[in-house]
Amino acid sequence: MRPVLYLSTAIALRWAEMRDVKERDRGDSPVPTAVIILGMVVIAMAVTTFIFTMTNAWLDDIPDPADPVGGNPPVVGP
């Protein structure tokens, strides 16, 4: 029973310390966080666009197959 009493007293004391106005940690403003996230989104979109463009250019350089089905001779004339 003694550990439970000790733990509850420690929690109550810590809770009282955290509620004290002098001990409050307000943290950072949400504006810099939003700006950082927005910058990361812009960079991610730029990288994605670059990769998409490079991939499409690479795929356009691949020649079309002459006979995609295979085994069928090309039709020449009517």
Protein backbone atom coordinates (compact mmCIF):
# COMPACT_ATOMS: atom_id res chain seq x y z
CA MET A 1 0.00 0.00 0.00
CA ARG A 2 2.92 2.27 0.66
CA PRO A 3 4.04 2.45 -3.04
CA VAL A 4 0.52 3.46 -4.05
CA LEU A 5 0.49 6.24 -1.45
CA TYR A 6 3.94 7.40 -2.56
CA LEU A 7 2.95 7.37 -6.23
CA SER A 8 -0.30 9.24 -5.66
CA THR A 9 1.49 11.87 -3.56
CA ALA A 10 4.19 12.30 -6.21
CA ILE A 11 1.58 12.68 -8.96
CA ALA A 12 -0.40 15.20 -6.92
CA LEU A 13 2.71 17.28 -6.20
CA ARG A 14 3.81 17.22 -9.84
CA TRP A 15 0.31 18.15 -10.97
CA ALA A 16 0.34 21.13 -8.61
CA GLU A 17 3.75 22.23 -9.92
CA MET A 18 2.60 22.03 -13.53
CA ARG A 19 -0.51 24.09 -12.80
CA ASP A 20 1.57 26.90 -11.30
CA VAL A 21 1.57 29.99 -13.57
CA LYS A 22 5.34 30.45 -13.25
CA GLU A 23 6.06 26.92 -14.43
CA ARG A 24 3.88 26.91 -17.54
CA ASP A 25 5.61 26.27 -20.83
CA ARG A 26 3.67 28.04 -23.52
CA GLY A 27 5.67 26.49 -26.34
CA ASP A 28 6.19 27.97 -29.76
CA SER A 29 3.69 29.86 -31.86
CA PRO A 30 1.85 27.72 -34.44
CA VAL A 31 2.76 30.17 -37.23
CA PRO A 32 6.41 29.07 -37.66
CA THR A 33 5.29 25.45 -37.62
CA ALA A 34 2.73 26.14 -40.35
CA VAL A 35 5.34 27.97 -42.43
CA ILE A 36 7.78 25.06 -42.11
CA ILE A 37 5.10 22.55 -43.10
CA LEU A 38 4.05 24.70 -46.07
CA GLY A 39 7.68 24.90 -47.21
CA MET A 40 8.04 21.14 -46.97
CA VAL A 41 4.85 20.66 -49.01
CA VAL A 42 6.10 23.03 -51.72
CA ILE A 43 9.44 21.23 -51.89
CA ALA A 44 7.72 17.83 -52.03
CA MET A 45 5.46 19.02 -54.86
CA ALA A 46 8.46 20.36 -56.78
CA VAL A 47 10.34 17.08 -56.41
CA THR A 48 7.26 15.09 -57.44
CA THR A 49 6.73 17.29 -60.50
CA PHE A 50 10.38 16.95 -61.47
CA ILE A 51 10.28 13.16 -61.16
CA PHE A 52 7.00 12.99 -63.10
CA THR A 53 8.43 15.14 -65.90
CA MET A 54 11.65 13.15 -66.10
CA THR A 55 9.76 9.86 -66.11
CA ASN A 56 7.43 10.97 -68.89
CA ALA A 57 10.39 12.16 -70.97
CA TRP A 58 12.12 8.82 -70.42
CA LEU A 59 8.99 6.90 -71.38
CA ASP A 60 8.53 9.02 -74.52
CA ASP A 61 12.06 8.06 -75.64
CA ILE A 62 11.16 4.36 -75.66
CA PRO A 63 10.26 3.39 -79.23
CA ASP A 64 6.92 1.80 -80.00
CA PRO A 65 7.12 -1.91 -80.73
CA ALA A 66 6.84 -2.81 -84.39
CA ASP A 67 4.65 -5.81 -83.65
CA PRO A 68 3.11 -5.73 -80.16
CA VAL A 69 1.15 -9.00 -80.61
CA GLY A 70 4.04 -11.01 -82.00
CA GLY A 71 4.05 -13.48 -84.87
CA ASN A 72 1.70 -11.55 -87.15
CA PRO A 73 3.36 -10.17 -90.29
CA PRO A 74 2.56 -6.54 -91.13
CA VAL A 75 -0.18 -6.06 -93.70
CA VAL A 76 1.13 -4.49 -96.92
CA GLY A 77 -1.44 -3.35 -99.44
CA PRO A 78 -5.17 -4.08 -99.77
